[in-house]
Amino acid sequence: MPEVSSNSSKSHSLRTYDIHPDAIQLVSEAMAREYNAIPLEVKGQVLRVAMANPDDVMAIEALAARTQMRIEPVEATAEAVREAIDSNYREQGELEKELSRIQVTSETTEEQALPTGIEAINDAPIVKALALIIDEAVKARASDIHLQPQEDGLWVRYRIDGTLQETHRLPLDTAVPLISRIKILASMNIADHHRPQDGQFSVVPKGRRDSMDIRVGIIPTVHGEMAALRLLDKSKALMTLLQIGFLQESLAEYQEMLKVPHGIIMVSGPTGSGKTTTLYATLNTLDSKGRNIITIEDPVEYRFRNINQIQVNSRAGLTFAAGLRSILRLDPNVILVGEMRDAETANIAIQSALTGHLVLSTIHANDSTGIVARLLDLGIERFLIASALIGVVAQRMIRRVCPDCAEMLKAPVAEQKAYEKETGEVREKFLYGKGCKSCAGTGYRGRQGIFEILRINDELRTMLLEGDSISQFRVHAIKLGMIPLSKDGMLKVKANITTPAEILRTAYTLD
């Protein structure tokens, strides 16, 4: 990890420094402010500390006595240290302060743990604690919050750029009131601890004007109830196809597919690969005033103007298949089916595409040609697929290199070879993130998509009708110009957007 220098760039260096939570916990906020010093990291029995005055022997001795560790001072400006203390202690300190006000024992029931009355609820520590957790998650760009009870406490973890990061470990006693508070907000049964429950609520995070929808899932585990909160940022519903990662060539191919008035376009990928985001970005490109666009989703994550959105409700008999049948009687031009889960839904969607509607849908498959195999598995006849299918998109989400700590470094030989295989270019150095506070030490900040777009033409339709294997179908598609996922990813490496390691992790194939 680089030293914090004593020149004018010190403040910036400390702001992007990877300050470890384990180090922060060793020194109280009061002590950090008293000596204007902030712990950076622990290495064995050595604690590295950024200090405005690294020659302050009394401060070093006090920190050593408090932590029982040898102190290694690192010079930084007083302003940089104060800024780091404000950033790293404020929310953790406020959260601990609110949780310390919660008096919960093993005999405490939910009714005793939760406040009663409007004034008591507004001032309740558990209400403030949950708000702090959500505010911090939004600030960290998290897509999900996990509250996981374990033997040693309640783990609070944020999913940032697709990976889970532990942010807090709270006393296990706080699990009951926190989960109960979430149940109340999401209109769940607070007394039911033995069955999974789902719900949704909205909040206005600190520093934002608009509300954010939060989808909740709760399930009992051996240590208590676990909650997963999906943060639905409405701004993501307004993203364009270029913003989510389409290259110009791929975008042009996809837009040509959207010009076809009827047929089906399918998007595939694993859970969390951005399929819904792609479909929403697609809806943003379509004329919703001159066409009747109807969606059926489970759940409806984001709401659009001039688009009719239907929420699946299995208890009321409103499944994808039943809803799709009803939609056909509502004179639609464009139909979006959130997910093609079963043979009945697939058959109705194909028939809708053949009878003059443009159908957009998602399906789970490994690549673009795997969508054809999946439709065959669902019992769709080859001639129906050949007639209805306009094109398919396979996608993955990759992490972007953090701009605050990016450096050109020599890549391992395996990464160099993988890059050369896809691009035909020999290259040794690539842009990597070394890890800093901005990216929580991961070297990556933000995500975007990589895509494999296959537009079905007459040659490929003939292959489908003649019963050629999926592997032959894929080989021919690549010959016709389809860019595989791995190559699209390496082109983004070439553009210094991500790293070869990230493409090997998410999208490498044996083509």
Protein backbone atom coordinates (compact mmCIF):
# COMPACT_ATOMS: atom_id res chain seq x y z
CA MET A 1 0.00 0.00 0.00
CA PRO A 2 1.49 3.39 -0.93
CA GLU A 3 2.79 5.83 1.71
CA VAL A 4 0.86 9.04 2.23
CA SER A 5 3.31 11.66 1.05
CA SER A 6 3.94 15.05 2.62
CA ASN A 7 3.31 17.13 -0.47
CA SER A 8 0.18 18.92 -1.66
CA SER A 9 -1.40 15.67 -2.87
CA LYS A 10 -1.64 14.27 0.68
CA SER A 11 -5.29 15.09 1.17
CA HIS A 12 -6.27 13.36 -2.09
CA SER A 13 -4.10 10.31 -1.27
CA LEU A 14 -5.74 9.83 2.11
CA ARG A 15 -9.23 10.27 0.67
CA THR A 16 -8.67 7.35 -1.70
CA TYR A 17 -6.73 5.31 0.86
CA ASP A 18 -8.15 1.91 1.74
CA ILE A 19 -8.87 2.39 5.45
CA HIS A 20 -9.68 -1.01 6.97
CA PRO A 21 -12.73 -1.34 9.28
CA ASP A 22 -10.76 -3.65 11.60
CA ALA A 23 -8.26 -0.86 12.18
CA ILE A 24 -10.97 1.74 12.81
CA GLN A 25 -12.49 -0.42 15.56
CA LEU A 26 -9.23 -0.35 17.55
CA VAL A 27 -9.37 3.40 18.22
CA SER A 28 -12.42 5.32 19.40
CA GLU A 29 -13.64 8.36 17.55
CA ALA A 30 -12.95 10.56 20.59
CA MET A 31 -9.33 9.43 20.72
CA ALA A 32 -8.89 9.84 16.96
CA ARG A 33 -10.13 13.43 17.18
CA GLU A 34 -8.06 14.21 20.28
CA TYR A 35 -4.79 13.28 18.54
CA ASN A 36 -5.96 14.08 15.00
CA ALA A 37 -4.97 10.58 13.91
CA ILE A 38 -6.81 7.83 12.08
CA PRO A 39 -5.93 4.10 11.93
CA LEU A 40 -5.32 2.83 8.40
CA GLU A 41 -4.56 -0.89 8.59
CA VAL A 42 -3.27 -3.70 10.78
CA LYS A 43 -0.22 -5.73 9.76
CA GLY A 44 0.53 -8.38 12.36
CA GLN A 45 1.16 -6.44 15.58
CA VAL A 46 1.71 -3.15 13.76
CA LEU A 47 -1.00 -0.51 13.38
CA ARG A 48 -0.43 2.06 10.64
CA VAL A 49 -1.87 5.42 11.63
CA ALA A 50 -2.19 8.59 9.53
CA MET A 51 -1.29 11.60 11.69
CA ALA A 52 -1.10 15.34 11.18
CA ASN A 53 2.00 15.31 13.42
CA PRO A 54 3.83 11.97 13.09
CA ASP A 55 6.50 13.23 15.55
CA ASP A 56 3.99 13.54 18.42
CA VAL A 57 5.51 10.99 20.79
CA MET A 58 2.78 11.35 23.42
CA ALA A 59 0.05 10.62 20.85
CA ILE A 60 1.93 7.57 19.55
CA GLU A 61 2.42 6.23 23.09
CA ALA A 62 -1.27 6.80 23.94
CA LEU A 63 -2.36 4.94 20.79
CA ALA A 64 0.05 2.10 21.51
CA ALA A 65 -1.27 1.78 25.08
CA ARG A 66 -4.87 1.81 23.86
CA THR A 67 -4.39 -0.76 21.08
CA GLN A 68 -1.56 -2.84 22.61
CA MET A 69 0.16 -2.64 19.21
CA ARG A 70 3.24 -0.98 17.76
CA ILE A 71 2.29 2.25 15.97
CA GLU A 72 3.68 3.07 12.53
CA PRO A 73 2.88 6.75 11.85
CA VAL A 74 2.16 7.96 8.31
CA GLU A 75 2.18 11.69 7.60
CA ALA A 76 -0.94 13.42 6.29
CA THR A 77 -2.35 16.93 6.47
CA ALA A 78 -4.58 17.86 9.39
CA GLU A 79 -7.42 18.58 6.97
CA ALA A 80 -7.07 15.15 5.33
CA VAL A 81 -7.10 13.39 8.71
CA ARG A 82 -10.20 15.28 9.90
CA GLU A 83 -11.97 14.49 6.63
CA ALA A 84 -11.11 10.78 6.99
CA ILE A 85 -12.33 10.74 10.60
CA ASP A 86 -15.62 12.36 9.57
CA SER A 87 -16.07 9.88 6.73
CA ASN A 88 -15.16 6.69 8.61
CA TYR A 89 -16.47 7.28 12.13
CA ARG A 90 -19.66 9.29 11.70
CA GLU A 91 -22.09 6.63 10.46
CA GLN A 92 -20.58 3.76 12.42
CA GLY A 93 -20.60 5.89 15.57
CA GLU A 94 -24.20 7.02 15.05
CA LEU A 95 -25.30 3.46 14.38
CA GLU A 96 -23.62 2.16 17.55
CA LYS A 97 -25.11 5.04 19.53
CA GLU A 98 -28.67 4.23 18.40
CA LEU A 99 -28.23 0.50 18.94
CA SER A 100 -26.88 1.05 22.45
CA ARG A 101 -30.23 2.66 23.34
CA ILE A 102 -32.08 -0.57 22.48
CA GLN A 103 -32.70 -2.58 25.62
CA VAL A 104 -33.34 -6.14 24.40
CA THR A 105 -32.89 -9.37 26.34
CA SER A 106 -33.45 -13.00 25.37
CA GLU A 107 -36.92 -12.78 26.97
CA THR A 108 -37.92 -9.62 25.10
CA THR A 109 -40.77 -10.04 22.60
CA GLU A 110 -41.27 -8.09 19.40
CA GLU A 111 -44.07 -6.09 20.99
CA GLN A 112 -41.77 -5.03 23.85
CA ALA A 113 -38.82 -4.30 21.55
CA LEU A 114 -40.78 -2.03 19.21
CA PRO A 115 -42.04 1.45 20.13
CA THR A 116 -45.70 2.39 20.31
CA GLY A 117 -47.22 5.72 19.38
CA ILE A 118 -46.27 8.05 16.54
CA GLU A 119 -43.85 10.19 18.58
CA ALA A 120 -42.12 7.15 20.07
CA ILE A 121 -41.77 5.53 16.65
CA ASN A 122 -40.23 8.63 15.08
CA ASP A 123 -37.65 8.89 17.86
CA ALA A 124 -37.06 5.15 18.32
CA PRO A 125 -33.42 4.03 18.11
CA ILE A 126 -34.30 0.99 16.01
CA VAL A 127 -36.02 3.25 13.44
CA LYS A 128 -32.98 5.52 13.29
CA ALA A 129 -30.62 2.53 13.13
CA LEU A 130 -32.41 1.03 10.12
CA ALA A 131 -32.48 4.43 8.41
CA LEU A 132 -28.71 4.76 8.95
CA ILE A 133 -28.08 1.32 7.45
CA ILE A 134 -30.16 2.18 4.37
CA ASP A 135 -28.61 5.66 3.99
CA GLU A 136 -25.11 4.21 4.20
CA ALA A 137 -25.97 1.53 1.62
CA VAL A 138 -27.29 4.14 -0.82
CA LYS A 139 -24.16 6.23 -0.31
CA ALA A 140 -22.00 3.16 -1.02
CA ARG A 141 -23.93 2.44 -4.27
CA ALA A 142 -25.15 -0.90 -2.91
CA SER A 143 -27.79 -2.83 -4.82
CA ASP A 144 -28.71 -5.05 -1.85
CA ILE A 145 -28.53 -5.08 1.94
CA HIS A 146 -28.22 -8.44 3.73
CA LEU A 147 -29.02 -8.77 7.44
CA GLN A 148 -27.70 -12.20 8.40
CA PRO A 149 -27.87 -13.49 12.00
CA GLN A 150 -24.87 -15.66 12.92
CA GLU A 151 -23.50 -17.09 16.16
CA ASP A 152 -21.23 -14.09 16.70
CA GLY A 153 -23.74 -11.36 15.88
CA LEU A 154 -25.90 -9.83 13.17
CA TRP A 155 -23.88 -9.39 9.99
CA VAL A 156 -24.78 -6.39 7.84
CA ARG A 157 -23.48 -6.86 4.31
CA TYR A 158 -23.85 -4.69 1.21
CA ARG A 159 -23.71 -5.99 -2.35
CA ILE A 160 -21.61 -3.43 -4.22
CA ASP A 161 -20.78 -3.94 -7.90
CA GLY A 162 -22.04 -7.51 -7.68
CA THR A 163 -19.94 -8.63 -4.69
CA LEU A 164 -20.94 -8.81 -1.01
CA GLN A 165 -18.94 -6.74 1.48
CA GLU A 166 -19.37 -6.91 5.25
CA THR A 167 -19.87 -3.43 6.67
CA HIS A 168 -21.06 -3.95 10.25
CA ARG A 169 -21.24 -6.75 12.79
CA LEU A 170 -23.96 -5.80 15.27
CA PRO A 171 -24.96 -7.46 18.55
CA LEU A 172 -27.26 -10.42 17.91
CA ASP A 173 -29.83 -8.85 20.25
CA THR A 174 -30.52 -6.19 17.63
CA ALA A 175 -31.70 -8.74 15.04
CA VAL A 176 -35.23 -9.13 16.46
CA PRO A 177 -36.18 -5.42 16.53
CA LEU A 178 -34.47 -4.67 13.20
CA ILE A 179 -36.24 -7.49 11.36
CA SER A 180 -39.52 -6.59 13.05
CA ARG A 181 -39.18 -2.98 11.95
CA ILE A 182 -38.61 -4.12 8.37
CA LYS A 183 -41.68 -6.38 8.56
CA ILE A 184 -43.85 -3.47 9.68
CA LEU A 185 -42.62 -1.23 6.85
CA ALA A 186 -43.15 -3.99 4.27
CA SER A 187 -46.65 -4.90 5.57
CA MET A 188 -45.62 -8.42 6.61
CA ASN A 189 -46.90 -10.59 9.43
CA ILE A 190 -44.73 -9.60 12.38
CA ALA A 191 -45.77 -12.66 14.40
CA ASP A 192 -44.84 -15.24 11.74
CA HIS A 193 -41.26 -16.46 12.18
CA HIS A 194 -41.52 -19.84 10.47
CA ARG A 195 -42.38 -19.04 6.84
CA PRO A 196 -40.68 -16.95 4.14
CA GLN A 197 -42.28 -13.57 3.53
CA ASP A 198 -41.97 -10.97 0.77
CA GLY A 199 -42.88 -7.31 0.73
CA GLN A 200 -41.93 -3.83 -0.37
CA PHE A 201 -41.72 -0.31 1.04
CA SER A 202 -40.40 3.11 0.05
CA VAL A 203 -38.01 5.50 1.77
CA VAL A 204 -36.39 8.84 1.01
CA PRO A 205 -32.67 8.31 1.68
CA LYS A 206 -30.63 11.08 3.23
CA GLY A 207 -29.43 13.56 0.64
CA ARG A 208 -32.02 12.60 -1.98
CA ARG A 209 -35.25 14.26 -2.98
CA ASP A 210 -36.99 11.31 -4.62
CA SER A 211 -38.11 8.15 -2.86
CA MET A 212 -36.49 4.76 -3.36
CA ASP A 213 -38.40 1.49 -3.48
CA ILE A 214 -37.02 -1.37 -1.41
CA ARG A 215 -38.04 -4.97 -2.09
CA VAL A 216 -37.75 -7.25 0.93
CA GLY A 217 -37.38 -10.99 1.37
CA ILE A 218 -37.27 -12.59 4.83
CA ILE A 219 -36.65 -16.25 5.62
CA PRO A 220 -35.99 -18.15 8.87
CA THR A 221 -32.49 -19.58 9.43
CA VAL A 222 -31.00 -21.61 12.28
CA HIS A 223 -29.79 -18.41 13.97
CA GLY A 224 -32.93 -16.34 13.38
CA GLU A 225 -34.63 -14.56 10.51
CA MET A 226 -32.48 -13.29 7.64
CA ALA A 227 -33.53 -10.32 5.51
CA ALA A 228 -32.41 -9.28 2.03
CA LEU A 229 -33.34 -5.78 0.89
CA ARG A 230 -33.09 -4.94 -2.83
CA LEU A 231 -32.61 -1.20 -3.39
CA LEU A 232 -34.41 -0.15 -6.55
CA ASP A 233 -32.85 3.06 -7.83
CA LYS A 234 -35.35 4.67 -10.19
CA SER A 235 -32.59 6.50 -12.06
CA LYS A 236 -31.44 3.15 -13.46
CA ALA A 237 -34.78 2.75 -15.20
CA LEU A 238 -33.91 5.79 -17.32
CA MET A 239 -30.60 4.44 -18.61
CA THR A 240 -30.01 4.25 -22.35
CA LEU A 241 -28.65 1.28 -24.27
CA LEU A 242 -25.31 3.08 -24.68
CA GLN A 243 -25.09 3.74 -20.95
CA ILE A 244 -25.52 0.07 -20.05
CA GLY A 245 -22.59 -0.90 -22.28
CA PHE A 246 -23.63 -1.54 -25.88
CA LEU A 247 -20.81 -0.95 -28.35
CA GLN A 248 -21.80 1.14 -31.39
CA GLU A 249 -21.72 -1.88 -33.73
CA SER A 250 -23.77 -4.01 -31.36
CA LEU A 251 -26.20 -1.18 -30.70
CA ALA A 252 -26.83 -0.73 -34.43
CA GLU A 253 -27.55 -4.47 -34.78
CA TYR A 254 -29.94 -4.43 -31.82
CA GLN A 255 -31.77 -1.34 -33.06
CA GLU A 256 -32.31 -3.04 -36.42
CA MET A 257 -33.96 -5.91 -34.55
CA LEU A 258 -36.30 -3.47 -32.79
CA LYS A 259 -37.50 -2.10 -36.13
CA VAL A 260 -39.20 -5.43 -36.95
CA PRO A 261 -42.93 -4.88 -36.19
CA HIS A 262 -43.69 -8.38 -34.93
CA GLY A 263 -41.75 -11.35 -33.61
CA ILE A 264 -39.90 -12.11 -30.38
CA ILE A 265 -36.60 -10.75 -29.02
CA MET A 266 -35.11 -12.60 -26.06
CA VAL A 267 -32.49 -11.60 -23.51
CA SER A 268 -30.60 -14.24 -21.53
CA GLY A 269 -28.13 -14.41 -18.68
CA PRO A 270 -27.83 -15.58 -15.08
CA THR A 271 -29.55 -13.87 -12.16
CA GLY A 272 -28.09 -10.41 -11.63
CA SER A 273 -26.73 -10.06 -15.16
CA GLY A 274 -28.82 -6.98 -15.95
CA LYS A 275 -31.49 -8.55 -18.18
CA THR A 276 -34.29 -6.40 -16.74
CA THR A 277 -32.16 -3.26 -17.06
CA THR A 278 -31.63 -4.04 -20.76
CA LEU A 279 -35.36 -4.53 -21.33
CA TYR A 280 -36.17 -1.27 -19.52
CA ALA A 281 -33.55 0.59 -21.57
CA THR A 282 -35.20 -0.95 -24.65
CA LEU A 283 -38.63 0.33 -23.58
CA ASN A 284 -37.10 3.80 -23.27
CA THR A 285 -36.23 3.68 -26.99
CA LEU A 286 -39.73 2.67 -28.13
CA ASP A 287 -42.53 5.07 -28.99
CA SER A 288 -44.97 4.64 -26.11
CA LYS A 289 -47.40 7.30 -27.36
CA GLY A 290 -48.06 5.81 -30.77
CA ARG A 291 -48.05 2.20 -29.54
CA ASN A 292 -49.80 0.31 -26.78
CA ILE A 293 -47.02 -1.21 -24.64
CA ILE A 294 -48.04 -3.66 -21.92
CA THR A 295 -45.71 -5.49 -19.53
CA ILE A 296 -46.25 -8.39 -17.15
CA GLU A 297 -43.55 -8.64 -14.51
CA ASP A 298 -42.71 -10.36 -11.23
CA PRO A 299 -42.13 -7.97 -9.60
CA VAL A 300 -42.65 -4.59 -11.28
CA GLU A 301 -39.33 -3.02 -10.28
CA TYR A 302 -39.61 0.40 -11.94
CA ARG A 303 -42.65 2.29 -13.18
CA PHE A 304 -42.87 4.07 -16.53
CA ARG A 305 -45.17 6.74 -17.90
CA ASN A 306 -47.39 5.80 -20.87
CA ILE A 307 -46.71 2.07 -20.33
CA ASN A 308 -49.22 -0.34 -18.81
CA GLN A 309 -47.47 -2.57 -16.27
CA ILE A 310 -49.02 -5.67 -14.70
CA GLN A 311 -47.77 -7.31 -11.51
CA VAL A 312 -47.90 -11.12 -11.35
CA ASN A 313 -50.11 -12.31 -8.48
CA SER A 314 -50.09 -16.11 -8.27
CA ARG A 315 -52.49 -16.19 -5.30
CA ALA A 316 -55.10 -14.39 -7.39
CA GLY A 317 -54.43 -16.64 -10.40
CA LEU A 318 -52.56 -13.92 -12.30
CA THR A 319 -49.56 -15.88 -13.56
CA PHE A 320 -47.35 -15.03 -16.54
CA ALA A 321 -49.39 -17.37 -18.75
CA ALA A 322 -52.80 -16.14 -17.54
CA GLY A 323 -51.76 -12.50 -17.75
CA LEU A 324 -50.33 -12.97 -21.23
CA ARG A 325 -53.64 -14.43 -22.46
CA SER A 326 -55.51 -11.43 -21.08
CA ILE A 327 -53.04 -8.95 -22.56
CA LEU A 328 -53.78 -10.28 -26.06
CA ARG A 329 -57.37 -9.02 -25.68
CA LEU A 330 -56.18 -5.48 -24.87
CA ASP A 331 -54.93 -4.59 -28.37
CA PRO A 332 -51.19 -4.40 -27.57
CA ASN A 333 -48.44 -3.49 -30.03
CA VAL A 334 -45.53 -4.41 -27.76
CA ILE A 335 -45.60 -7.00 -24.96
CA LEU A 336 -42.87 -7.40 -22.36
CA VAL A 337 -42.89 -10.71 -20.48
CA GLY A 338 -40.65 -10.44 -17.42
CA GLU A 339 -39.46 -14.04 -17.58
CA MET A 340 -40.24 -17.12 -19.65
CA ARG A 341 -40.39 -19.71 -16.88
CA ASP A 342 -42.50 -22.54 -18.28
CA ALA A 343 -43.73 -24.18 -21.47
CA GLU A 344 -47.19 -22.60 -21.29
CA THR A 345 -45.82 -19.05 -21.10
CA ALA A 346 -43.31 -19.78 -23.88
CA ASN A 347 -46.00 -21.15 -26.19
CA ILE A 348 -48.33 -18.19 -25.67
CA ALA A 349 -45.44 -15.73 -26.18
CA ILE A 350 -44.43 -17.43 -29.45
CA GLN A 351 -48.02 -17.42 -30.67
CA SER A 352 -48.31 -13.73 -29.76
CA ALA A 353 -45.18 -13.01 -31.80
CA LEU A 354 -46.62 -14.89 -34.78
CA THR A 355 -49.93 -13.01 -34.65
CA GLY A 356 -48.58 -9.50 -35.12
CA HIS A 357 -47.07 -8.44 -31.77
CA LEU A 358 -43.53 -7.48 -30.83
CA VAL A 359 -42.65 -9.55 -27.75
CA LEU A 360 -39.69 -8.89 -25.46
CA SER A 361 -38.75 -11.42 -22.80
CA THR A 362 -35.95 -12.90 -20.69
CA ILE A 363 -34.89 -16.49 -20.27
CA HIS A 364 -32.10 -18.29 -18.42
CA ALA A 365 -29.42 -19.54 -20.84
CA ASN A 366 -25.62 -19.45 -20.98
CA ASP A 367 -25.27 -17.69 -24.35
CA SER A 368 -27.28 -16.48 -27.33
CA THR A 369 -27.51 -19.85 -29.08
CA GLY A 370 -28.33 -21.47 -25.74
CA ILE A 371 -31.64 -19.59 -25.90
CA VAL A 372 -32.62 -21.74 -28.89
CA ALA A 373 -31.73 -24.88 -26.93
CA ARG A 374 -33.77 -23.65 -23.97
CA LEU A 375 -36.83 -23.00 -26.15
CA LEU A 376 -36.51 -26.51 -27.59
CA ASP A 377 -36.34 -27.86 -24.01
CA LEU A 378 -39.61 -26.05 -23.29
CA GLY A 379 -41.24 -27.98 -26.13
CA ILE A 380 -41.38 -25.24 -28.76
CA GLU A 381 -41.23 -26.67 -32.28
CA ARG A 382 -38.28 -25.71 -34.47
CA PHE A 383 -40.46 -24.23 -37.21
CA LEU A 384 -42.18 -21.97 -34.65
CA ILE A 385 -38.83 -20.75 -33.29
CA ALA A 386 -37.55 -20.12 -36.82
CA SER A 387 -40.70 -18.19 -37.73
CA ALA A 388 -41.04 -16.09 -34.57
CA LEU A 389 -37.51 -15.35 -33.38
CA ILE A 390 -36.12 -11.97 -34.48
CA GLY A 391 -32.95 -12.16 -32.45
CA VAL A 392 -31.42 -12.91 -29.08
CA VAL A 393 -29.10 -11.13 -26.63
CA ALA A 394 -26.87 -12.84 -24.06
CA GLN A 395 -25.27 -10.64 -21.44
CA ARG A 396 -23.20 -10.42 -18.26
CA MET A 397 -22.33 -7.59 -15.89
CA ILE A 398 -18.66 -6.70 -15.50
CA ARG A 399 -17.00 -4.37 -13.02
CA ARG A 400 -15.31 -1.20 -14.24
CA VAL A 401 -11.77 -0.30 -13.18
CA CYS A 402 -11.79 2.25 -10.35
CA PRO A 403 -10.69 5.62 -11.84
CA ASP A 404 -9.18 6.80 -8.53
CA CYS A 405 -6.54 4.06 -8.26
CA ALA A 406 -6.13 2.85 -11.85
CA GLU A 407 -2.61 2.09 -13.10
CA MET A 408 -1.15 0.38 -16.16
CA LEU A 409 0.39 -2.87 -14.89
CA LYS A 410 1.81 -5.99 -16.47
CA ALA A 411 -0.83 -8.74 -16.64
CA PRO A 412 -0.28 -12.43 -15.88
CA VAL A 413 0.53 -14.54 -18.95
CA ALA A 414 -2.88 -16.28 -18.88
CA GLU A 415 -4.65 -12.92 -19.14
CA GLN A 416 -2.36 -11.77 -21.94
CA LYS A 417 -3.08 -14.95 -23.92
CA ALA A 418 -6.84 -14.66 -23.39
CA TYR A 419 -6.78 -11.07 -24.62
CA GLU A 420 -4.66 -12.00 -27.65
CA LYS A 421 -6.99 -14.89 -28.52
CA GLU A 422 -10.05 -12.62 -28.69
CA THR A 423 -8.55 -9.48 -30.23
CA GLY A 424 -5.51 -10.75 -32.15
CA GLU A 425 -3.45 -8.06 -30.43
CA VAL A 426 -0.31 -8.79 -28.38
CA ARG A 427 -0.31 -6.67 -25.24
CA GLU A 428 1.38 -6.99 -21.85
CA LYS A 429 0.06 -4.08 -19.79
CA PHE A 430 -3.54 -3.34 -18.90
CA LEU A 431 -5.37 -0.91 -16.64
CA TYR A 432 -5.88 -2.30 -13.12
CA GLY A 433 -7.21 -0.74 -9.94
CA LYS A 434 -4.76 -1.08 -7.05
CA GLY A 435 -7.50 -0.67 -4.43
CA CYS A 436 -8.48 2.47 -2.51
CA LYS A 437 -11.21 3.83 -0.28
CA SER A 438 -13.33 4.87 -3.25
CA CYS A 439 -13.65 1.23 -4.37
CA ALA A 440 -13.44 -0.38 -0.89
CA GLY A 441 -10.11 -1.90 -1.85
CA THR A 442 -11.51 -3.96 -4.74
CA GLY A 443 -9.92 -2.04 -7.62
CA TYR A 444 -13.33 -1.76 -9.30
CA ARG A 445 -16.05 0.88 -9.12
CA GLY A 446 -19.33 0.66 -11.04
CA ARG A 447 -20.53 -1.91 -13.55
CA GLN A 448 -21.72 -2.18 -17.12
CA GLY A 449 -22.81 -4.92 -19.49
CA ILE A 450 -21.08 -7.03 -22.08
CA PHE A 451 -23.28 -8.44 -24.83
CA GLU A 452 -23.56 -11.19 -27.43
CA ILE A 453 -26.13 -10.21 -30.05
CA LEU A 454 -27.46 -12.68 -32.59
CA ARG A 455 -29.84 -11.48 -35.29
CA ILE A 456 -31.66 -14.38 -36.96
CA ASN A 457 -31.34 -14.27 -40.76
CA ASP A 458 -32.52 -16.64 -43.51
CA GLU A 459 -29.40 -18.84 -43.29
CA LEU A 460 -29.84 -19.40 -39.57
CA ARG A 461 -33.58 -20.02 -39.98
CA THR A 462 -32.76 -22.72 -42.54
CA MET A 463 -30.34 -24.32 -40.09
CA LEU A 464 -33.04 -24.33 -37.42
CA LEU A 465 -35.57 -25.93 -39.76
CA GLU A 466 -33.09 -28.56 -40.95
CA GLY A 467 -32.29 -29.65 -37.40
CA ASP A 468 -28.60 -28.65 -37.22
CA SER A 469 -27.04 -28.97 -33.78
CA ILE A 470 -26.76 -25.96 -31.48
CA SER A 471 -22.95 -26.10 -31.66
CA GLN A 472 -23.08 -25.95 -35.49
CA PHE A 473 -25.61 -23.14 -35.22
CA ARG A 474 -23.23 -21.18 -32.97
CA VAL A 475 -20.18 -21.71 -35.18
CA HIS A 476 -22.10 -20.45 -38.20
CA ALA A 477 -23.45 -17.46 -36.27
CA ILE A 478 -19.89 -16.40 -35.40
CA LYS A 479 -18.89 -16.81 -39.06
CA LEU A 480 -21.73 -14.47 -39.99
CA GLY A 481 -20.28 -11.80 -37.69
CA MET A 482 -21.75 -12.41 -34.22
CA ILE A 483 -19.38 -11.06 -31.53
CA PRO A 484 -19.14 -13.60 -28.66
CA LEU A 485 -19.45 -12.46 -25.05
CA SER A 486 -15.76 -13.02 -24.37
CA LYS A 487 -14.70 -10.93 -27.36
CA ASP A 488 -17.11 -8.11 -26.50
CA GLY A 489 -15.59 -8.17 -23.02
CA MET A 490 -12.02 -8.02 -24.31
CA LEU A 491 -12.96 -5.09 -26.55
CA LYS A 492 -13.96 -3.29 -23.35
CA VAL A 493 -10.58 -4.26 -21.90
CA LYS A 494 -9.00 -2.66 -24.99
CA ALA A 495 -10.98 0.49 -24.22
CA ASN A 496 -9.54 0.47 -20.64
CA ILE A 497 -12.99 -0.06 -19.13
CA THR A 498 -12.26 -3.32 -17.30
CA THR A 499 -9.53 -5.95 -16.83
CA PRO A 500 -8.84 -9.28 -18.56
CA ALA A 501 -9.25 -10.98 -15.18
CA GLU A 502 -12.82 -9.67 -14.92
CA ILE A 503 -13.71 -11.05 -18.35
CA LEU A 504 -12.15 -14.42 -17.52
CA ARG A 505 -14.20 -14.45 -14.30
CA THR A 506 -17.54 -13.62 -15.87
CA ALA A 507 -17.67 -14.52 -19.55
CA TYR A 508 -14.81 -16.63 -20.84
CA THR A 509 -15.82 -19.53 -23.08
CA LEU A 510 -14.04 -22.28 -24.95
CA ASP A 511 -15.10 -21.11 -28.43
